[in-house]
C-alpha atoms as a PDB file:
ATOM      1  CA  MET A   1      13.290  16.270 -14.430  1.00  0.00           C
ATOM      2  CA  LYS A   2       9.936  14.650 -14.902  1.00  0.00           C
ATOM      3  CA  HIS A   3      10.071  11.348 -12.826  1.00  0.00           C
ATOM      4  CA  ILE A   4       6.337  11.147 -13.595  1.00  0.00           C
ATOM      5  CA  ASP A   5       5.474  11.467 -17.390  1.00  0.00           C
ATOM      6  CA  LEU A   6       1.628  10.664 -17.878  1.00  0.00           C
ATOM      7  CA  ALA A   7       1.639  11.238 -21.459  1.00  0.00           C
ATOM      8  CA  LYS A   8       4.547   8.988 -22.218  1.00  0.00           C
ATOM      9  CA  SER A   9       2.855   6.445 -19.895  1.00  0.00           C
ATOM     10  CA  ILE A  10      -0.123   6.660 -21.774  1.00  0.00           C
ATOM     11  CA  LYS A  11       1.559   6.341 -24.763  1.00  0.00           C
ATOM     12  CA  GLU A  12       3.865   3.412 -24.171  1.00  0.00           C
ATOM     13  CA  SER A  13       0.903   1.758 -22.169  1.00  0.00           C
ATOM     14  CA  ASP A  14      -0.584  -1.685 -23.640  1.00  0.00           C
ATOM     15  CA  SER A  15      -4.367   0.092 -23.113  1.00  0.00           C
ATOM     16  CA  ASP A  16      -6.200   0.913 -26.378  1.00  0.00           C
ATOM     17  CA  PHE A  17      -8.839   3.103 -24.110  1.00  0.00           C
ATOM     18  CA  LEU A  18      -6.101   5.151 -22.516  1.00  0.00           C
ATOM     19  CA  LYS A  19      -4.330   5.910 -26.440  1.00  0.00           C
ATOM     20  CA  LYS A  20      -7.643   7.183 -27.226  1.00  0.00           C
ATOM     21  CA  PHE A  21      -7.215  10.060 -25.086  1.00  0.00           C
ATOM     22  CA  PRO A  22      -7.017  13.748 -26.625  1.00  0.00           C
ATOM     23  CA  GLY A  23      -4.234  15.781 -25.532  1.00  0.00           C
ATOM     24  CA  PHE A  24      -6.349  17.934 -23.934  1.00  0.00           C
ATOM     25  CA  ILE A  25      -7.913  15.263 -21.714  1.00  0.00           C
ATOM     26  CA  VAL A  26      -4.001  14.209 -21.005  1.00  0.00           C
ATOM     27  CA  ARG A  27      -3.099  17.512 -19.935  1.00  0.00           C
ATOM     28  CA  TRP A  28      -6.181  17.979 -17.644  1.00  0.00           C
ATOM     29  CA  LEU A  29      -5.227  14.476 -16.020  1.00  0.00           C
ATOM     30  CA  GLU A  30      -1.920  15.895 -15.336  1.00  0.00           C
ATOM     31  CA  LYS A  31      -3.442  18.346 -13.640  1.00  0.00           C
ATOM     32  CA  ILE A  32      -5.559  15.956 -11.601  1.00  0.00           C
ATOM     33  CA  ILE A  33      -2.921  13.790 -10.830  1.00  0.00           C
ATOM     34  CA  LYS A  34      -0.626  16.970  -9.612  1.00  0.00           C
ATOM     35  CA  GLN A  35       2.262  15.734 -11.863  1.00  0.00           C
ATOM     36  CA  ASP A  36       4.249  18.851 -11.876  1.00  0.00           C
ATOM     37  CA  GLU A  37       3.788  19.219  -8.058  1.00  0.00           C
ATOM     38  CA  LEU A  38       4.974  15.097  -7.515  1.00  0.00           C
ATOM     39  CA  ASN A  39       7.875  15.741  -9.752  1.00  0.00           C
ATOM     40  CA  TYR A  40       8.714  18.891  -7.689  1.00  0.00           C
ATOM     41  CA  VAL A  41       8.593  16.569  -4.050  1.00  0.00           C
ATOM     42  CA  ILE A  42      10.701  13.831  -5.795  1.00  0.00           C
ATOM     43  CA  GLU A  43      13.382  15.884  -7.357  1.00  0.00           C
ATOM     44  CA  LYS A  44      13.465  17.980  -3.870  1.00  0.00           C
ATOM     45  CA  TYR A  45      13.718  14.801  -1.656  1.00  0.00           C
ATOM     46  CA  LYS A  46      16.016  12.759  -4.686  1.00  0.00           C
ATOM     47  CA  ASP A  47      19.135  12.435  -1.982  1.00  0.00           C
ATOM     48  CA  LEU A  48      17.287  11.026   0.387  1.00  0.00           C
ATOM     49  CA  GLU A  49      16.743   7.160   1.480  1.00  0.00           C
ATOM     50  CA  GLY A  50      15.280   5.374   3.765  1.00  0.00           C
ATOM     51  CA  ALA A  51      14.020   6.532   7.120  1.00  0.00           C
ATOM     52  CA  ASP A  52      15.186   9.898   6.134  1.00  0.00           C
ATOM     53  CA  PHE A  53      13.059   9.905   2.693  1.00  0.00           C
ATOM     54  CA  HIS A  54      10.209   8.887   4.857  1.00  0.00           C
ATOM     55  CA  ARG A  55      10.376  11.573   7.515  1.00  0.00           C
ATOM     56  CA  ALA A  56      11.025  14.271   5.214  1.00  0.00           C
ATOM     57  CA  ILE A  57       7.677  13.156   3.112  1.00  0.00           C
ATOM     58  CA  ILE A  58       5.600  13.228   6.334  1.00  0.00           C
ATOM     59  CA  LYS A  59       7.021  16.448   7.375  1.00  0.00           C
ATOM     60  CA  GLU A  60       6.409  18.444   3.881  1.00  0.00           C
ATOM     61  CA  PHE A  61       2.957  17.100   3.911  1.00  0.00           C
ATOM     62  CA  ASN A  62       2.802  18.296   7.660  1.00  0.00           C
ATOM     63  CA  ILE A  63       1.002  15.017   8.470  1.00  0.00           C
ATOM     64  CA  THR A  64       0.366  14.406  12.311  1.00  0.00           C
ATOM     65  CA  LEU A  65       0.645  10.461  13.281  1.00  0.00           C
ATOM     66  CA  GLU A  66      -1.548   9.163  16.289  1.00  0.00           C
ATOM     67  CA  VAL A  67      -0.521   5.986  16.660  1.00  0.00           C
ATOM     68  CA  GLU A  68      -1.800   3.204  18.954  1.00  0.00           C
ATOM     69  CA  GLY A  69       0.056  -0.244  20.048  1.00  0.00           C
ATOM     70  CA  LEU A  70       3.876   0.930  18.991  1.00  0.00           C
ATOM     71  CA  GLU A  71       4.929  -1.404  21.826  1.00  0.00           C
ATOM     72  CA  ASN A  72       3.229  -4.647  19.788  1.00  0.00           C
ATOM     73  CA  LEU A  73       6.219  -4.486  17.285  1.00  0.00           C
ATOM     74  CA  PRO A  74       8.198  -7.253  18.130  1.00  0.00           C
ATOM     75  CA  GLU A  75      12.014  -7.139  18.534  1.00  0.00           C
ATOM     76  CA  ASN A  76      12.354  -9.972  15.513  1.00  0.00           C
ATOM     77  CA  GLY A  77      11.622  -7.927  12.607  1.00  0.00           C
ATOM     78  CA  LYS A  78      11.182 -11.252  10.501  1.00  0.00           C
ATOM     79  CA  CYS A  79       7.550 -10.839  10.067  1.00  0.00           C
ATOM     80  CA  PHE A  80       4.568  -9.567   7.594  1.00  0.00           C
ATOM     81  CA  PHE A  81       3.342  -6.267   8.506  1.00  0.00           C
ATOM     82  CA  VAL A  82      -0.050  -6.366   6.965  1.00  0.00           C
ATOM     83  CA  SER A  83      -2.500  -3.578   6.875  1.00  0.00           C
ATOM     84  CA  ASN A  84      -6.005  -2.555   4.965  1.00  0.00           C
ATOM     85  CA  HIS A  85      -5.426   0.042   2.158  1.00  0.00           C
ATOM     86  CA  PRO A  86      -7.708   2.877   2.401  1.00  0.00           C
ATOM     87  CA  PHE A  87      -5.406   5.794   1.058  1.00  0.00           C
ATOM     88  CA  GLY A  88      -3.452   4.156  -1.563  1.00  0.00           C
ATOM     89  CA  ILE A  89       0.229   6.458  -1.104  1.00  0.00           C
ATOM     90  CA  VAL A  90       0.160   7.740   2.566  1.00  0.00           C
ATOM     91  CA  ASP A  91      -0.799   4.583   4.187  1.00  0.00           C
ATOM     92  CA  GLY A  92       1.979   2.802   2.504  1.00  0.00           C
ATOM     93  CA  LEU A  93       4.518   5.748   3.551  1.00  0.00           C
ATOM     94  CA  ILE A  94       3.481   5.268   7.279  1.00  0.00           C
ATOM     95  CA  LEU A  95       3.543   1.495   7.270  1.00  0.00           C
ATOM     96  CA  THR A  96       6.928   1.567   5.940  1.00  0.00           C
ATOM     97  CA  LYS A  97       8.153   4.472   7.942  1.00  0.00           C
ATOM     98  CA  THR A  98       6.918   2.588  11.116  1.00  0.00           C
ATOM     99  CA  VAL A  99       8.735  -0.616  10.280  1.00  0.00           C
ATOM    100  CA  ILE A 100      12.013   1.136   9.103  1.00  0.00           C
ATOM    101  CA  GLU A 101      12.497   2.977  11.838  1.00  0.00           C
ATOM    102  CA  LYS A 102      11.961   0.009  14.353  1.00  0.00           C
ATOM    103  CA  TYR A 103      14.159  -2.163  12.278  1.00  0.00           C
ATOM    104  CA  GLY A 104      16.453   0.200  10.209  1.00  0.00           C
ATOM    105  CA  THR A 105      15.124  -1.786   6.673  1.00  0.00           C
ATOM    106  CA  PHE A 106      12.374  -3.553   4.979  1.00  0.00           C
ATOM    107  CA  LYS A 107      10.966  -4.732   1.766  1.00  0.00           C
ATOM    108  CA  ALA A 108       7.582  -3.961   0.488  1.00  0.00           C
ATOM    109  CA  ILE A 109       5.542  -6.021  -1.688  1.00  0.00           C
ATOM    110  CA  GLY A 110       4.655  -3.394  -4.561  1.00  0.00           C
ATOM    111  CA  ASN A 111       4.127  -3.059  -8.401  1.00  0.00           C
ATOM    112  CA  GLU A 112       5.999  -1.248 -11.066  1.00  0.00           C
ATOM    113  CA  SER A 113       4.627   2.333 -10.199  1.00  0.00           C
ATOM    114  CA  PHE A 114       6.880   2.417  -7.322  1.00  0.00           C
ATOM    115  CA  GLN A 115       9.610   2.597 -10.032  1.00  0.00           C
ATOM    116  CA  PHE A 116       8.777   6.219 -10.337  1.00  0.00           C
ATOM    117  CA  VAL A 117      10.007   6.966  -6.919  1.00  0.00           C
ATOM    118  CA  PRO A 118      13.990   6.516  -7.073  1.00  0.00           C
ATOM    119  CA  ASN A 119      14.219   6.675  -3.116  1.00  0.00           C
ATOM    120  CA  LEU A 120      11.837   3.581  -2.702  1.00  0.00           C
ATOM    121  CA  ARG A 121      13.051   1.545  -5.472  1.00  0.00           C
ATOM    122  CA  PRO A 122      15.918  -0.634  -3.425  1.00  0.00           C
ATOM    123  CA  TYR A 123      12.983  -1.399  -0.687  1.00  0.00           C
ATOM    124  CA  ILE A 124      10.421  -2.265  -3.318  1.00  0.00           C
ATOM    125  CA  ALA A 125       9.964  -6.429  -3.943  1.00  0.00           C
ATOM    126  CA  LEU A 126       8.101  -6.023  -7.434  1.00  0.00           C
ATOM    127  CA  VAL A 127       4.922  -8.097  -8.446  1.00  0.00           C
ATOM    128  CA  ASN A 128       2.776  -7.440 -11.177  1.00  0.00           C
ATOM    129  CA  PRO A 129      -0.713  -7.346  -9.731  1.00  0.00           C
ATOM    130  CA  TYR A 130      -2.597  -7.669 -12.893  1.00  0.00           C
ATOM    131  CA  GLY A 131      -1.065 -10.847 -14.410  1.00  0.00           C
ATOM    132  CA  MET A 132       1.982 -13.150 -13.929  1.00  0.00           C
ATOM    133  CA  SER A 133       4.939 -11.647 -12.468  1.00  0.00           C
ATOM    134  CA  SER A 134       8.295 -12.233 -14.576  1.00  0.00           C
ATOM    135  CA  LYS A 135      10.915 -14.986 -13.402  1.00  0.00           C
ATOM    136  CA  THR A 136      12.966 -12.361 -12.531  1.00  0.00           C
ATOM    137  CA  TYR A 137      10.641 -10.682  -9.919  1.00  0.00           C
ATOM    138  CA  VAL A 138       9.573 -14.390  -8.474  1.00  0.00           C
ATOM    139  CA  THR A 139      13.293 -15.464  -8.104  1.00  0.00           C
ATOM    140  CA  GLU A 140      14.225 -11.939  -6.057  1.00  0.00           C
ATOM    141  CA  LEU A 141      11.002 -12.287  -4.259  1.00  0.00           C
ATOM    142  CA  GLU A 142      11.543 -15.512  -2.832  1.00  0.00           C
ATOM    143  CA  LYS A 143      14.845 -14.297  -1.693  1.00  0.00           C
ATOM    144  CA  ILE A 144      13.232 -12.098  -0.050  1.00  0.00           C
ATOM    145  CA  TYR A 145      10.615 -14.383   1.474  1.00  0.00           C
ATOM    146  CA  GLN A 146      13.594 -16.622   2.710  1.00  0.00           C
ATOM    147  CA  SER A 147      15.651 -13.876   4.399  1.00  0.00           C
ATOM    148  CA  ASP A 148      15.374 -12.203   7.941  1.00  0.00           C
ATOM    149  CA  VAL A 149      14.033  -8.593   6.336  1.00  0.00           C
ATOM    150  CA  PRO A 150      10.821  -7.350   7.134  1.00  0.00           C
ATOM    151  CA  ILE A 151       8.012  -7.475   4.865  1.00  0.00           C
ATOM    152  CA  THR A 152       5.456  -4.720   4.853  1.00  0.00           C
ATOM    153  CA  HIS A 153       2.371  -6.129   2.737  1.00  0.00           C
ATOM    154  CA  PHE A 154      -1.084  -4.834   1.505  1.00  0.00           C
ATOM    155  CA  PRO A 155      -2.822  -8.383   1.041  1.00  0.00           C
ATOM    156  CA  ALA A 156      -5.920  -6.745  -0.923  1.00  0.00           C
ATOM    157  CA  GLY A 157      -3.557  -6.026  -3.637  1.00  0.00           C
ATOM    158  CA  ILE A 158      -5.525  -2.686  -4.485  1.00  0.00           C
ATOM    159  CA  VAL A 159      -6.692   0.712  -2.550  1.00  0.00           C
ATOM    160  CA  SER A 160     -10.167   0.294  -0.748  1.00  0.00           C
ATOM    161  CA  ARG A 161     -13.242   0.900  -2.789  1.00  0.00           C
ATOM    162  CA  ARG A 162     -17.046   1.261  -1.585  1.00  0.00           C
ATOM    163  CA  TYR A 163     -18.389  -2.368  -1.214  1.00  0.00           C
ATOM    164  CA  ASP A 164     -21.762  -2.963   0.589  1.00  0.00           C
ATOM    165  CA  GLY A 165     -22.151   0.308   1.479  1.00  0.00           C
ATOM    166  CA  LYS A 166     -18.739   0.849   3.391  1.00  0.00           C
ATOM    167  CA  VAL A 167     -15.327   1.687   2.288  1.00  0.00           C
ATOM    168  CA  GLN A 168     -13.113  -1.520   2.874  1.00  0.00           C
ATOM    169  CA  ASP A 169     -10.911  -3.839   1.084  1.00  0.00           C
ATOM    170  CA  GLN A 170     -11.884  -5.972  -1.222  1.00  0.00           C
ATOM    171  CA  ALA A 171     -11.097  -9.879   0.097  1.00  0.00           C
ATOM    172  CA  TRP A 172      -7.313 -10.646   0.856  1.00  0.00           C
ATOM    173  CA  GLN A 173      -4.979 -12.858  -1.135  1.00  0.00           C
ATOM    174  CA  LYS A 174      -3.776 -15.702   0.795  1.00  0.00           C
ATOM    175  CA  SER A 175      -0.262 -15.470  -0.110  1.00  0.00           C
ATOM    176  CA  PHE A 176       0.813 -13.962   2.792  1.00  0.00           C
ATOM    177  CA  ILE A 177      -0.642 -16.587   4.951  1.00  0.00           C
ATOM    178  CA  THR A 178       0.925 -19.529   2.806  1.00  0.00           C
ATOM    179  CA  ARG A 179       4.492 -17.536   3.136  1.00  0.00           C
ATOM    180  CA  SER A 180       4.020 -16.864   6.741  1.00  0.00           C
ATOM    181  CA  VAL A 181       3.800 -20.870   7.140  1.00  0.00           C
ATOM    182  CA  SER A 182       6.345 -22.017   4.603  1.00  0.00           C
ATOM    183  CA  CYS A 183       8.737 -19.134   6.149  1.00  0.00           C
ATOM    184  CA  GLN A 184       7.863 -19.022   9.732  1.00  0.00           C
ATOM    185  CA  ARG A 185       7.039 -15.330   9.873  1.00  0.00           C
ATOM    186  CA  ASP A 186       4.594 -13.929  12.196  1.00  0.00           C
ATOM    187  CA  ILE A 187       1.985 -11.072  11.023  1.00  0.00           C
ATOM    188  CA  VAL A 188       1.985  -8.093  12.366  1.00  0.00           C
ATOM    189  CA  PRO A 189      -1.576  -6.388  11.694  1.00  0.00           C
ATOM    190  CA  PHE A 190      -1.924  -2.735  11.172  1.00  0.00           C
ATOM    191  CA  TYR A 191      -5.455  -0.663  10.925  1.00  0.00           C
ATOM    192  CA  PHE A 192      -5.629   2.791   9.300  1.00  0.00           C
ATOM    193  CA  HIS A 193      -8.745   4.717  10.320  1.00  0.00           C
ATOM    194  CA  GLY A 194     -10.079   7.135   7.529  1.00  0.00           C
ATOM    195  CA  GLN A 195     -10.774   6.875   3.774  1.00  0.00           C
ATOM    196  CA  ASN A 196     -10.197   8.931   0.603  1.00  0.00           C
ATOM    197  CA  SER A 197     -12.619  11.318  -0.688  1.00  0.00           C
ATOM    198  CA  ARG A 198     -15.819  11.139  -2.238  1.00  0.00           C
ATOM    199  CA  LEU A 199     -14.695  11.814  -5.574  1.00  0.00           C
ATOM    200  CA  PHE A 200     -12.396   8.826  -5.529  1.00  0.00           C
ATOM    201  CA  TYR A 201     -15.318   6.380  -4.522  1.00  0.00           C
ATOM    202  CA  GLY A 202     -17.729   8.415  -6.809  1.00  0.00           C
ATOM    203  CA  ILE A 203     -15.460   7.728 -10.037  1.00  0.00           C
ATOM    204  CA  ASN A 204     -15.215   3.943  -8.749  1.00  0.00           C
ATOM    205  CA  GLN A 205     -18.646   3.425  -8.853  1.00  0.00           C
ATOM    206  CA  PHE A 206     -19.395   5.301 -12.308  1.00  0.00           C
ATOM    207  CA  ARG A 207     -16.696   3.063 -13.835  1.00  0.00           C
ATOM    208  CA  ARG A 208     -17.982  -0.413 -12.221  1.00  0.00           C
ATOM    209  CA  ALA A 209     -21.806   0.964 -13.250  1.00  0.00           C
ATOM    210  CA  PHE A 210     -20.580   1.199 -16.922  1.00  0.00           C
ATOM    211  CA  GLY A 211     -18.488  -1.607 -17.103  1.00  0.00           C
ATOM    212  CA  ILE A 212     -15.268   0.201 -17.863  1.00  0.00           C
ATOM    213  CA  LYS A 213     -12.738  -2.230 -16.780  1.00  0.00           C
ATOM    214  CA  THR A 214      -9.735   0.295 -16.579  1.00  0.00           C
ATOM    215  CA  ASN A 215      -9.100   1.707 -12.849  1.00  0.00           C
ATOM    216  CA  ILE A 216      -9.233   4.917 -13.908  1.00  0.00           C
ATOM    217  CA  GLU A 217      -9.608   6.292 -10.433  1.00  0.00           C
ATOM    218  CA  LEU A 218      -6.149   5.114  -9.375  1.00  0.00           C
ATOM    219  CA  ALA A 219      -4.822   8.682 -11.235  1.00  0.00           C
ATOM    220  CA  LEU A 220      -6.381  10.197  -8.394  1.00  0.00           C
ATOM    221  CA  LEU A 221      -4.504   8.665  -5.956  1.00  0.00           C
ATOM    222  CA  PRO A 222      -1.862  11.236  -5.793  1.00  0.00           C
ATOM    223  CA  ARG A 223      -4.202  14.135  -5.303  1.00  0.00           C
ATOM    224  CA  GLU A 224      -5.353  12.070  -2.248  1.00  0.00           C
ATOM    225  CA  LEU A 225      -1.944  12.341  -0.852  1.00  0.00           C
ATOM    226  CA  PHE A 226      -2.111  16.324  -1.143  1.00  0.00           C
ATOM    227  CA  LEU A 227      -5.433  15.958   0.449  1.00  0.00           C
ATOM    228  CA  LYS A 228      -3.769  14.523   3.443  1.00  0.00           C
ATOM    229  CA  ARG A 229      -1.996  17.709   3.621  1.00  0.00           C
ATOM    230  CA  ASN A 230      -1.920  19.211   7.554  1.00  0.00           C
ATOM    231  CA  LYS A 231      -4.371  16.523   8.740  1.00  0.00           C
ATOM    232  CA  LYS A 232      -3.578  14.055  11.213  1.00  0.00           C
ATOM    233  CA  ILE A 233      -3.740  10.111  10.521  1.00  0.00           C
ATOM    234  CA  LYS A 234      -4.454   7.668  13.046  1.00  0.00           C
ATOM    235  CA  TYR A 235      -3.167   4.164  13.040  1.00  0.00           C
ATOM    236  CA  THR A 236      -3.414   1.022  15.124  1.00  0.00           C
ATOM    237  CA  ILE A 237      -0.835  -1.900  15.535  1.00  0.00           C
ATOM    238  CA  GLY A 238      -1.977  -5.040  16.839  1.00  0.00           C
ATOM    239  CA  LYS A 239      -0.436  -7.708  18.366  1.00  0.00           C
ATOM    240  CA  PRO A 240       1.579 -10.088  16.555  1.00  0.00           C
ATOM    241  CA  ILE A 241       0.220 -13.378  15.642  1.00  0.00           C
ATOM    242  CA  SER A 242       1.792 -16.473  15.259  1.00  0.00           C
ATOM    243  CA  TRP A 243       2.485 -18.078  12.149  1.00  0.00           C
ATOM    244  CA  GLN A 244       1.985 -21.516  14.021  1.00  0.00           C
ATOM    245  CA  LYS A 245      -1.712 -20.523  14.185  1.00  0.00           C
ATOM    246  CA  PHE A 246      -2.321 -20.957  10.608  1.00  0.00           C
ATOM    247  CA  VAL A 247      -1.264 -24.519   9.988  1.00  0.00           C
ATOM    248  CA  SER A 248      -4.386 -26.635  10.555  1.00  0.00           C
ATOM    249  CA  SER A 249      -8.132 -26.205  10.532  1.00  0.00           C
ATOM    250  CA  HIS A 250      -8.799 -24.007   8.029  1.00  0.00           C
ATOM    251  CA  THR A 251      -7.658 -23.233   4.514  1.00  0.00           C
ATOM    252  CA  HIS A 252      -4.923 -20.428   3.918  1.00  0.00           C
ATOM    253  CA  VAL A 253      -7.577 -18.319   1.828  1.00  0.00           C
ATOM    254  CA  GLN A 254     -10.250 -18.461   4.917  1.00  0.00           C
ATOM    255  CA  TRP A 255      -7.007 -18.001   7.317  1.00  0.00           C
ATOM    256  CA  ALA A 256      -6.598 -14.829   5.431  1.00  0.00           C
ATOM    257  CA  GLN A 257     -10.061 -13.753   5.562  1.00  0.00           C
ATOM    258  CA  LYS A 258      -9.814 -14.139   9.428  1.00  0.00           C
ATOM    259  CA  VAL A 259      -6.907 -11.802   9.495  1.00  0.00           C
ATOM    260  CA  ARG A 260      -8.500  -9.047   7.480  1.00  0.00           C
ATOM    261  CA  ASP A 261     -11.495  -9.504   9.688  1.00  0.00           C
ATOM    262  CA  HIS A 262      -9.280  -9.167  12.527  1.00  0.00           C
ATOM    263  CA  VAL A 263      -7.720  -6.375  11.589  1.00  0.00           C
ATOM    264  CA  TYR A 264     -11.212  -4.300  11.108  1.00  0.00           C
ATOM    265  CA  LYS A 265     -12.321  -5.074  14.619  1.00  0.00           C
ATOM    266  CA  MET A 266      -8.959  -3.375  15.382  1.00  0.00           C
ATOM    267  CA  ALA A 267     -11.046  -0.161  14.398  1.00  0.00           C
ATOM    268  CA  ALA A 268     -12.619   0.044  18.034  1.00  0.00           C
ATOM    269  CA  ARG A 269     -11.104   1.702  20.702  1.00  0.00           C
ATOM    270  CA  ASP A 270      -7.913  -0.139  22.299  1.00  0.00           C
ATOM    271  CA  GLY A 271      -8.074  -2.302  19.230  1.00  0.00           C
ATOM    272  CA  SER A 272      -4.211  -2.875  19.959  1.00  0.00           C
ATOM    273  CA  LYS A 273      -4.852  -4.865  22.755  1.00  0.00           C
ATOM    274  CA  LEU A 274      -7.345  -7.421  20.814  1.00  0.00           C
ATOM    275  CA  ASP A 275      -5.983 -11.091  20.508  1.00  0.00           C
ATOM    276  CA  PHE A 276      -6.746 -12.696  17.289  1.00  0.00           C
END
């Protein structure tokens, strides 16, 4: 079964740029994104859900996890679990795996691309990162914010790129701070060590240099997942940050950047012991 069908997605997209691609380019892109391999993995584990699915994928790719600060996960899961976003797929899998194994469930703020993976659909709170979300999305998202379910989120909204000579997130969006205060949710920061391939960042820089707005490098994210096969991924979990920290002295935009800065400080040794 084709869970991912690039040719069909391009044909149905709103991008005139993508629709101009000739057939041989589309077929080449299907190989680049490892469409057949992805469909094989999704089909192989189509009957698994929750923590079972997450563990199966990590095992399928033989990824070794090294975590610092696991003791920082609070007993009460009504929190935002936020992170930098260096990889694009595997960091999302590891973040949600960590949360669901601790609390038994989660909701991830994500876009419609997650709909390609049926195992994840029950856990995704859909948003449209490129425009206005539908009324249905907004209504469902509000219910999730008001619930007690743990919420995972990448506040940058997109995968890290190379900015100012360093691989890092763009500025973090303020919504998780605003909702932290209004819903009284503490924030649990995660930091993932590592980055994607040079090709990923090279294509991004090429696109930006020539003024191409379509994020064509996103097509490489599945390839980046396969490049993590047989690798070790280290991540750090920081101390929870009380929502009450954000009620005064700075705007929510400023607080969002302060949390972002704190997450990058967690890259240092014993980063899990840092106070916000």
